[in-house]
Structures are given as C-alpha cells and as structure tokens.
C-alpha cells in the first residue's frame, strides 16, 4: 500500500504535499494524530534498512536524549521513534517498495516524478 507519513501542523510538509499530485492510492497518515506503530515502522525499516535514516535528528527532544545517552544505537532510534512522533523524519512517502524520506529538494523532486507515474 502507498502511504505518506506527514505532520499536518508542519508548514514544510504542507508545502511539499501541495507540490505533489497525490491520488487516492496514497494513504495519508498524520503522525501527530496517528503516531507510527511498530508494524508501520517495521514496514518503513524493511525498505530503508536503517532506523537512523528515518530518524529526525533536528527534533528538539533529541537534544535531551543526546545529553542523557552516551551511545545511540539502531534500537535506540527505533524506541525513540515509537515513543514520540517528533522523532520520525517527515515526510515519508512509500510507493510500492520505494521510499522517499525527508524534505530535501532532491528527495521531493524524485518523489514527485514517481507520483506522476501512478
């Protein structure tokens, strides 16, 4: 299933979503209202092969974690993402077995091209 994990209160997510032509095959998931669960996170992980890639290191809460944790492991990233929605990098678009993570211009453009194929 095609999915888009985003934050509805994020102006960057809104801007990106408005630039994409989303059709009804994309299931929209607002991570604030419906935080990613272990099954959803595992589906993203199976494509990314790395929790750190889908982790938002810019999250304000991460500053506290870095002070308290000496070594951050893959399992730490996983636990933090499941603990609070702000640790999930956004937006995350899944189309089939292709994954587009974050808001870099390159990622947004590649996702847009893939969306136009649907």
Protein backbone atom coordinates (compact mmCIF):
# COMPACT_ATOMS: atom_id res chain seq x y z
CA UNK A 1 0.00 0.00 0.00
CA UNK A 2 1.21 3.51 -0.81
CA UNK A 3 1.50 5.73 2.27
CA UNK A 4 2.52 9.22 3.22
CA UNK A 5 3.58 9.90 6.81
CA UNK A 6 3.46 13.63 7.49
CA UNK A 7 2.76 16.20 10.18
CA UNK A 8 -0.33 18.30 9.47
CA UNK A 9 0.95 21.21 11.57
CA UNK A 10 4.26 21.39 9.70
CA UNK A 11 4.38 24.14 7.08
CA UNK A 12 7.16 22.34 5.20
CA UNK A 13 5.08 19.15 4.95
CA UNK A 14 2.08 21.18 3.75
CA UNK A 15 4.18 22.91 1.10
CA UNK A 16 5.60 19.62 -0.16
CA UNK A 17 2.23 17.87 -0.22
CA UNK A 18 0.72 20.77 -2.16
CA UNK A 19 3.51 20.50 -4.75
CA UNK A 20 2.80 16.79 -5.28
CA UNK A 21 -0.18 15.44 -7.15
CA UNK A 22 -1.44 12.84 -4.70
CA UNK A 23 -4.08 10.44 -5.87
CA UNK A 24 -6.40 8.21 -3.89
CA UNK A 25 -3.90 5.33 -3.87
CA UNK A 26 -1.84 7.24 -1.28
CA UNK A 27 -2.97 6.74 2.31
CA UNK A 28 -2.27 9.93 4.28
CA UNK A 29 -1.16 9.41 7.87
CA UNK A 30 -0.77 12.41 10.18
CA UNK A 31 1.84 11.21 12.68
CA UNK A 32 0.62 13.58 15.36
CA UNK A 33 -2.93 12.20 15.30
CA UNK A 34 -1.89 8.63 14.43
CA UNK A 35 1.70 8.01 15.58
CA UNK A 36 3.52 5.31 13.68
CA UNK A 37 3.18 1.92 15.35
CA UNK A 38 5.68 -0.93 15.39
CA UNK A 39 4.08 -2.58 12.33
CA UNK A 40 4.23 0.64 10.30
CA UNK A 41 7.76 1.37 11.43
CA UNK A 42 8.86 -2.15 10.51
CA UNK A 43 7.41 -1.68 7.00
CA UNK A 44 9.45 1.51 6.56
CA UNK A 45 12.54 -0.17 8.04
CA UNK A 46 12.31 -3.09 5.62
CA UNK A 47 12.81 -0.64 2.76
CA UNK A 48 15.27 1.76 4.43
CA UNK A 49 17.31 -0.95 6.22
CA UNK A 50 18.25 1.61 8.85
CA UNK A 51 16.38 3.38 11.67
CA UNK A 52 18.84 6.25 11.74
CA UNK A 53 17.83 7.22 8.17
CA UNK A 54 14.23 7.72 9.24
CA UNK A 55 15.08 9.46 12.50
CA UNK A 56 14.64 13.24 12.86
CA UNK A 57 17.86 14.44 14.48
CA UNK A 58 16.52 18.00 14.41
CA UNK A 59 13.77 17.17 16.90
CA UNK A 60 14.01 19.39 19.96
CA UNK A 61 13.51 16.37 22.22
CA UNK A 62 16.62 14.79 20.70
CA UNK A 63 18.83 17.38 22.38
CA UNK A 64 17.80 15.99 25.76
CA UNK A 65 18.32 12.42 24.62
CA UNK A 66 21.87 13.20 23.46
CA UNK A 67 22.69 14.67 26.89
CA UNK A 68 21.41 11.56 28.68
CA UNK A 69 22.56 8.83 26.28
CA UNK A 70 26.21 8.16 25.58
CA UNK A 71 25.75 5.74 22.70
CA UNK A 72 22.76 5.85 20.40
CA UNK A 73 22.15 2.53 18.69
CA UNK A 74 19.74 1.42 15.97
CA UNK A 75 17.50 0.06 18.72
CA UNK A 76 17.59 3.44 20.49
CA UNK A 77 16.44 5.16 17.29
CA UNK A 78 13.62 2.63 16.91
CA UNK A 79 12.46 3.04 20.51
CA UNK A 80 12.52 6.83 20.29
CA UNK A 81 10.51 6.90 17.05
CA UNK A 82 7.87 4.68 18.65
CA UNK A 83 7.90 6.81 21.80
CA UNK A 84 7.21 10.21 20.20
CA UNK A 85 6.07 11.27 16.74
CA UNK A 86 8.57 14.14 16.53
CA UNK A 87 11.44 11.66 16.19
CA UNK A 88 10.15 10.43 12.82
CA UNK A 89 11.70 12.27 9.89
CA UNK A 90 9.00 13.80 7.71
CA UNK A 91 7.53 13.45 5.24
CA UNK A 92 7.98 9.79 4.45
CA UNK A 93 6.40 8.61 1.22
CA UNK A 94 6.16 4.93 0.38
CA UNK A 95 5.23 3.96 -3.15
CA UNK A 96 5.41 0.21 -3.60
CA UNK A 97 8.91 -0.68 -2.45
CA UNK A 98 10.31 2.82 -2.98
CA UNK A 99 10.91 5.12 -0.06
CA UNK A 100 11.30 8.90 -0.06
CA UNK A 101 12.43 10.33 3.28
CA UNK A 102 12.67 13.96 4.29
CA UNK A 103 12.33 17.34 2.67
CA UNK A 104 15.50 17.82 0.64
CA UNK A 105 14.87 19.28 -2.81
CA UNK A 106 16.29 16.16 -4.44
CA UNK A 107 14.03 13.81 -2.46
CA UNK A 108 10.93 15.92 -3.08
CA UNK A 109 11.65 16.02 -6.83
CA UNK A 110 12.31 12.27 -7.06
CA UNK A 111 9.05 11.60 -5.18
CA UNK A 112 7.16 13.95 -7.47
CA UNK A 113 8.45 12.10 -10.53
CA UNK A 114 7.45 8.76 -9.00
CA UNK A 115 3.98 10.09 -8.08
CA UNK A 116 3.41 11.18 -11.68
CA UNK A 117 3.85 7.54 -12.77
CA UNK A 118 0.86 6.43 -10.68
